[in-house]
Amino acid sequence: MLQKRAFSLFVILLVLTGTILFIYYNNDHKECDIKVEQIIGKNGEHVTRTTHVCHERFSF
């Protein structure tokens, strides 16, 4: 009984790890950009702000 439970847990962890690795390595962001804004702050300092703009419906 303990061996079946350990084997089942191992298989579940293996599937979860495989799924996470698949999502990580296949997330290509073809429709994404990095938007860079340069603004002047309250004290007169130049501030550069970068934001990730993604037009995909789902992004993992």
PDB file of N, CA and C in Angstrom:
ATOM      1  N   MET A   1       0.822  -1.196   0.000  1.00  0.00           N
ATOM      2  CA  MET A   1       0.000   0.000   0.000  1.00  0.00           C
ATOM      3  C   MET A   1       0.863   1.257   0.000  1.00  0.00           C
ATOM      4  N   LEU A   2       1.910   1.251   0.797  1.00  0.00           N
ATOM      5  CA  LEU A   2       2.796   2.409   0.874  1.00  0.00           C
ATOM      6  C   LEU A   2       3.549   2.609  -0.436  1.00  0.00           C
ATOM      7  N   GLN A   3       3.908   1.518  -1.107  1.00  0.00           N
ATOM      8  CA  GLN A   3       4.619   1.626  -2.380  1.00  0.00           C
ATOM      9  C   GLN A   3       3.713   2.215  -3.457  1.00  0.00           C
ATOM     10  N   LYS A   4       2.429   1.852  -3.457  1.00  0.00           N
ATOM     11  CA  LYS A   4       1.494   2.412  -4.431  1.00  0.00           C
ATOM     12  C   LYS A   4       1.320   3.911  -4.213  1.00  0.00           C
ATOM     13  N   ARG A   5       1.228   4.309  -2.961  1.00  0.00           N
ATOM     14  CA  ARG A   5       1.061   5.726  -2.643  1.00  0.00           C
ATOM     15  C   ARG A   5       2.317   6.512  -3.027  1.00  0.00           C
ATOM     16  N   ALA A   6       3.477   5.967  -2.754  1.00  0.00           N
ATOM     17  CA  ALA A   6       4.723   6.637  -3.108  1.00  0.00           C
ATOM     18  C   ALA A   6       4.870   6.742  -4.626  1.00  0.00           C
ATOM     19  N   PHE A   7       4.503   5.685  -5.338  1.00  0.00           N
ATOM     20  CA  PHE A   7       4.577   5.704  -6.794  1.00  0.00           C
ATOM     21  C   PHE A   7       3.591   6.723  -7.374  1.00  0.00           C
ATOM     22  N   SER A   8       2.388   6.775  -6.830  1.00  0.00           N
ATOM     23  CA  SER A   8       1.390   7.741  -7.297  1.00  0.00           C
ATOM     24  C   SER A   8       1.861   9.174  -7.054  1.00  0.00           C
ATOM     25  N   LEU A   9       2.427   9.433  -5.889  1.00  0.00           N
ATOM     26  CA  LEU A   9       2.956  10.753  -5.580  1.00  0.00           C
ATOM     27  C   LEU A   9       4.091  11.113  -6.529  1.00  0.00           C
ATOM     28  N   PHE A  10       4.961  10.169  -6.819  1.00  0.00           N
ATOM     29  CA  PHE A  10       6.062  10.395  -7.746  1.00  0.00           C
ATOM     30  C   PHE A  10       5.544  10.733  -9.144  1.00  0.00           C
ATOM     31  N   VAL A  11       4.547  10.023  -9.607  1.00  0.00           N
ATOM     32  CA  VAL A  11       3.982  10.275 -10.940  1.00  0.00           C
ATOM     33  C   VAL A  11       3.323  11.649 -10.986  1.00  0.00           C
ATOM     34  N   ILE A  12       2.596  12.011  -9.950  1.00  0.00           N
ATOM     35  CA  ILE A  12       1.944  13.318  -9.905  1.00  0.00           C
ATOM     36  C   ILE A  12       2.987  14.434  -9.922  1.00  0.00           C
ATOM     37  N   LEU A  13       4.037  14.311  -9.132  1.00  0.00           N
ATOM     38  CA  LEU A  13       5.093  15.314  -9.120  1.00  0.00           C
ATOM     39  C   LEU A  13       5.813  15.388 -10.458  1.00  0.00           C
ATOM     40  N   LEU A  14       6.003  14.255 -11.099  1.00  0.00           N
ATOM     41  CA  LEU A  14       6.651  14.228 -12.407  1.00  0.00           C
ATOM     42  C   LEU A  14       5.801  14.940 -13.456  1.00  0.00           C
ATOM     43  N   VAL A  15       4.496  14.715 -13.434  1.00  0.00           N
ATOM     44  CA  VAL A  15       3.598  15.377 -14.383  1.00  0.00           C
ATOM     45  C   VAL A  15       3.557  16.883 -14.122  1.00  0.00           C
ATOM     46  N   LEU A  16       3.478  17.289 -12.871  1.00  0.00           N
ATOM     47  CA  LEU A  16       3.472  18.713 -12.543  1.00  0.00           C
ATOM     48  C   LEU A  16       4.765  19.396 -12.971  1.00  0.00           C
ATOM     49  N   THR A  17       5.892  18.760 -12.722  1.00  0.00           N
ATOM     50  CA  THR A  17       7.183  19.318 -13.128  1.00  0.00           C
ATOM     51  C   THR A  17       7.263  19.427 -14.643  1.00  0.00           C
ATOM     52  N   GLY A  18       6.811  18.408 -15.347  1.00  0.00           N
ATOM     53  CA  GLY A  18       6.815  18.443 -16.806  1.00  0.00           C
ATOM     54  C   GLY A  18       5.928  19.548 -17.345  1.00  0.00           C
ATOM     55  N   THR A  19       4.777  19.752 -16.747  1.00  0.00           N
ATOM     56  CA  THR A  19       3.859  20.807 -17.182  1.00  0.00           C
ATOM     57  C   THR A  19       4.467  22.186 -16.964  1.00  0.00           C
ATOM     58  N   ILE A  20       5.062  22.399 -15.812  1.00  0.00           N
ATOM     59  CA  ILE A  20       5.690  23.693 -15.515  1.00  0.00           C
ATOM     60  C   ILE A  20       6.852  23.960 -16.468  1.00  0.00           C
ATOM     61  N   LEU A  21       7.670  22.960 -16.722  1.00  0.00           N
ATOM     62  CA  LEU A  21       8.784  23.141 -17.652  1.00  0.00           C
ATOM     63  C   LEU A  21       8.293  23.397 -19.070  1.00  0.00           C
ATOM     64  N   PHE A  22       7.220  22.731 -19.500  1.00  0.00           N
ATOM     65  CA  PHE A  22       6.659  22.954 -20.822  1.00  0.00           C
ATOM     66  C   PHE A  22       6.177  24.387 -20.976  1.00  0.00           C
ATOM     67  N   ILE A  23       5.465  24.890 -19.990  1.00  0.00           N
ATOM     68  CA  ILE A  23       4.957  26.264 -20.042  1.00  0.00           C
ATOM     69  C   ILE A  23       6.123  27.254 -20.038  1.00  0.00           C
ATOM     70  N   TYR A  24       7.136  27.006 -19.223  1.00  0.00           N
ATOM     71  CA  TYR A  24       8.267  27.929 -19.109  1.00  0.00           C
ATOM     72  C   TYR A  24       9.044  28.027 -20.420  1.00  0.00           C
ATOM     73  N   TYR A  25       9.338  26.908 -21.048  1.00  0.00           N
ATOM     74  CA  TYR A  25      10.173  26.924 -22.246  1.00  0.00           C
ATOM     75  C   TYR A  25       9.403  27.210 -23.528  1.00  0.00           C
ATOM     76  N   ASN A  26       8.087  27.096 -23.549  1.00  0.00           N
ATOM     77  CA  ASN A  26       7.310  27.355 -24.753  1.00  0.00           C
ATOM     78  C   ASN A  26       6.567  28.684 -24.711  1.00  0.00           C
ATOM     79  N   ASN A  27       6.840  29.514 -23.754  1.00  0.00           N
ATOM     80  CA  ASN A  27       6.214  30.827 -23.663  1.00  0.00           C
ATOM     81  C   ASN A  27       7.067  31.799 -24.467  1.00  0.00           C
ATOM     82  N   ASP A  28       6.734  31.978 -25.753  1.00  0.00           N
ATOM     83  CA  ASP A  28       7.605  32.709 -26.660  1.00  0.00           C
ATOM     84  C   ASP A  28       7.355  34.212 -26.700  1.00  0.00           C
ATOM     85  N   HIS A  29       6.241  34.681 -26.257  1.00  0.00           N
ATOM     86  CA  HIS A  29       5.921  36.110 -26.238  1.00  0.00           C
ATOM     87  C   HIS A  29       6.122  36.759 -27.601  1.00  0.00           C
ATOM     88  N   LYS A  30       5.560  36.187 -28.662  1.00  0.00           N
ATOM     89  CA  LYS A  30       5.718  36.746 -29.999  1.00  0.00           C
ATOM     90  C   LYS A  30       5.046  38.103 -30.142  1.00  0.00           C
ATOM     91  N   GLU A  31       3.960  38.302 -29.442  1.00  0.00           N
ATOM     92  CA  GLU A  31       3.215  39.542 -29.586  1.00  0.00           C
ATOM     93  C   GLU A  31       3.473  40.514 -28.436  1.00  0.00           C
ATOM     94  N   CYS A  32       4.575  40.380 -27.744  1.00  0.00           N
ATOM     95  CA  CYS A  32       4.848  41.221 -26.590  1.00  0.00           C
ATOM     96  C   CYS A  32       5.944  42.239 -26.902  1.00  0.00           C
ATOM     97  N   ASP A  33       5.886  43.358 -26.202  1.00  0.00           N
ATOM     98  CA  ASP A  33       6.867  44.416 -26.324  1.00  0.00           C
ATOM     99  C   ASP A  33       7.278  44.889 -24.947  1.00  0.00           C
ATOM    100  N   ILE A  34       8.366  45.624 -24.937  1.00  0.00           N
ATOM    101  CA  ILE A  34       8.788  46.306 -23.722  1.00  0.00           C
ATOM    102  C   ILE A  34       8.686  47.800 -24.019  1.00  0.00           C
ATOM    103  N   LYS A  35       7.856  48.483 -23.271  1.00  0.00           N
ATOM    104  CA  LYS A  35       7.631  49.909 -23.473  1.00  0.00           C
ATOM    105  C   LYS A  35       8.518  50.675 -22.495  1.00  0.00           C
ATOM    106  N   VAL A  36       9.318  51.598 -23.024  1.00  0.00           N
ATOM    107  CA  VAL A  36      10.230  52.386 -22.204  1.00  0.00           C
ATOM    108  C   VAL A  36       9.729  53.823 -22.186  1.00  0.00           C
ATOM    109  N   GLU A  37       9.503  54.340 -20.999  1.00  0.00           N
ATOM    110  CA  GLU A  37       9.063  55.718 -20.823  1.00  0.00           C
ATOM    111  C   GLU A  37      10.100  56.471 -20.016  1.00  0.00           C
ATOM    112  N   GLN A  38      10.427  57.650 -20.466  1.00  0.00           N
ATOM    113  CA  GLN A  38      11.316  58.508 -19.698  1.00  0.00           C
ATOM    114  C   GLN A  38      10.520  59.719 -19.257  1.00  0.00           C
ATOM    115  N   ILE A  39      10.392  59.886 -17.956  1.00  0.00           N
ATOM    116  CA  ILE A  39       9.610  60.980 -17.403  1.00  0.00           C
ATOM    117  C   ILE A  39      10.475  61.770 -16.436  1.00  0.00           C
ATOM    118  N   ILE A  40      10.016  62.947 -16.097  1.00  0.00           N
ATOM    119  CA  ILE A  40      10.708  63.785 -15.127  1.00  0.00           C
ATOM    120  C   ILE A  40       9.925  63.722 -13.824  1.00  0.00           C
ATOM    121  N   GLY A  41      10.628  63.364 -12.756  1.00  0.00           N
ATOM    122  CA  GLY A  41       9.979  63.213 -11.459  1.00  0.00           C
ATOM    123  C   GLY A  41       9.673  64.540 -10.796  1.00  0.00           C
ATOM    124  N   LYS A  42       9.152  64.483  -9.580  1.00  0.00           N
ATOM    125  CA  LYS A  42       8.759  65.685  -8.842  1.00  0.00           C
ATOM    126  C   LYS A  42       9.951  66.588  -8.534  1.00  0.00           C
ATOM    127  N   ASN A  43      11.097  65.980  -8.286  1.00  0.00           N
ATOM    128  CA  ASN A  43      12.279  66.753  -7.923  1.00  0.00           C
ATOM    129  C   ASN A  43      13.150  67.093  -9.125  1.00  0.00           C
ATOM    130  N   GLY A  44      12.676  66.847 -10.335  1.00  0.00           N
ATOM    131  CA  GLY A  44      13.430  67.184 -11.534  1.00  0.00           C
ATOM    132  C   GLY A  44      14.350  66.076 -12.026  1.00  0.00           C
ATOM    133  N   GLU A  45      14.350  64.932 -11.375  1.00  0.00           N
ATOM    134  CA  GLU A  45      15.217  63.828 -11.803  1.00  0.00           C
ATOM    135  C   GLU A  45      14.569  63.097 -12.976  1.00  0.00           C
ATOM    136  N   HIS A  46      15.401  62.536 -13.841  1.00  0.00           N
ATOM    137  CA  HIS A  46      14.922  61.764 -14.985  1.00  0.00           C
ATOM    138  C   HIS A  46      14.690  60.324 -14.539  1.00  0.00           C
ATOM    139  N   VAL A  47      13.493  59.823 -14.774  1.00  0.00           N
ATOM    140  CA  VAL A  47      13.115  58.482 -14.359  1.00  0.00           C
ATOM    141  C   VAL A  47      12.781  57.681 -15.608  1.00  0.00           C
ATOM    142  N   THR A  48      13.375  56.489 -15.723  1.00  0.00           N
ATOM    143  CA  THR A  48      13.087  55.591 -16.829  1.00  0.00           C
ATOM    144  C   THR A  48      12.213  54.464 -16.305  1.00  0.00           C
ATOM    145  N   ARG A  49      11.051  54.287 -16.932  1.00  0.00           N
ATOM    146  CA  ARG A  49      10.112  53.256 -16.515  1.00  0.00           C
ATOM    147  C   ARG A  49       9.934  52.275 -17.669  1.00  0.00           C
ATOM    148  N   THR A  50      10.120  50.986 -17.402  1.00  0.00           N
ATOM    149  CA  THR A  50       9.901  49.965 -18.421  1.00  0.00           C
ATOM    150  C   THR A  50       8.714  49.109 -18.000  1.00  0.00           C
ATOM    151  N   THR A  51       7.823  48.852 -18.967  1.00  0.00           N
ATOM    152  CA  THR A  51       6.673  48.002 -18.706  1.00  0.00           C
ATOM    153  C   THR A  51       6.587  46.939 -19.787  1.00  0.00           C
ATOM    154  N   HIS A  52       6.119  45.779 -19.407  1.00  0.00           N
ATOM    155  CA  HIS A  52       5.955  44.650 -20.322  1.00  0.00           C
ATOM    156  C   HIS A  52       4.534  44.688 -20.848  1.00  0.00           C
ATOM    157  N   VAL A  53       4.386  44.911 -22.155  1.00  0.00           N
ATOM    158  CA  VAL A  53       3.071  45.001 -22.778  1.00  0.00           C
ATOM    159  C   VAL A  53       2.876  43.751 -23.617  1.00  0.00           C
ATOM    160  N   CYS A  54       1.864  42.974 -23.290  1.00  0.00           N
ATOM    161  CA  CYS A  54       1.619  41.722 -23.980  1.00  0.00           C
ATOM    162  C   CYS A  54       0.206  41.727 -24.548  1.00  0.00           C
ATOM    163  N   HIS A  55       0.079  41.417 -25.836  1.00  0.00           N
ATOM    164  CA  HIS A  55      -1.216  41.436 -26.503  1.00  0.00           C
ATOM    165  C   HIS A  55      -1.841  40.045 -26.587  1.00  0.00           C
ATOM    166  N   GLU A  56      -1.195  39.047 -26.018  1.00  0.00           N
ATOM    167  CA  GLU A  56      -1.736  37.703 -26.024  1.00  0.00           C
ATOM    168  C   GLU A  56      -2.888  37.613 -25.035  1.00  0.00           C
ATOM    169  N   ARG A  57      -3.827  36.762 -25.351  1.00  0.00           N
ATOM    170  CA  ARG A  57      -4.957  36.608 -24.445  1.00  0.00           C
ATOM    171  C   ARG A  57      -4.551  35.884 -23.160  1.00  0.00           C
ATOM    172  N   PHE A  58      -3.756  34.838 -23.321  1.00  0.00           N
ATOM    173  CA  PHE A  58      -3.273  34.088 -22.169  1.00  0.00           C
ATOM    174  C   PHE A  58      -1.756  34.161 -22.151  1.00  0.00           C
ATOM    175  N   SER A  59      -1.183  34.479 -21.025  1.00  0.00           N
ATOM    176  CA  SER A  59       0.262  34.519 -20.876  1.00  0.00           C
ATOM    177  C   SER A  59       0.617  33.785 -19.594  1.00  0.00           C
ATOM    178  N   PHE A  60       1.429  32.775 -19.707  1.00  0.00           N
ATOM    179  CA  PHE A  60       1.800  31.968 -18.538  1.00  0.00           C
ATOM    180  C   PHE A  60       3.058  32.479 -17.923  1.00  0.00           C
TER     181      PHE A  60
END
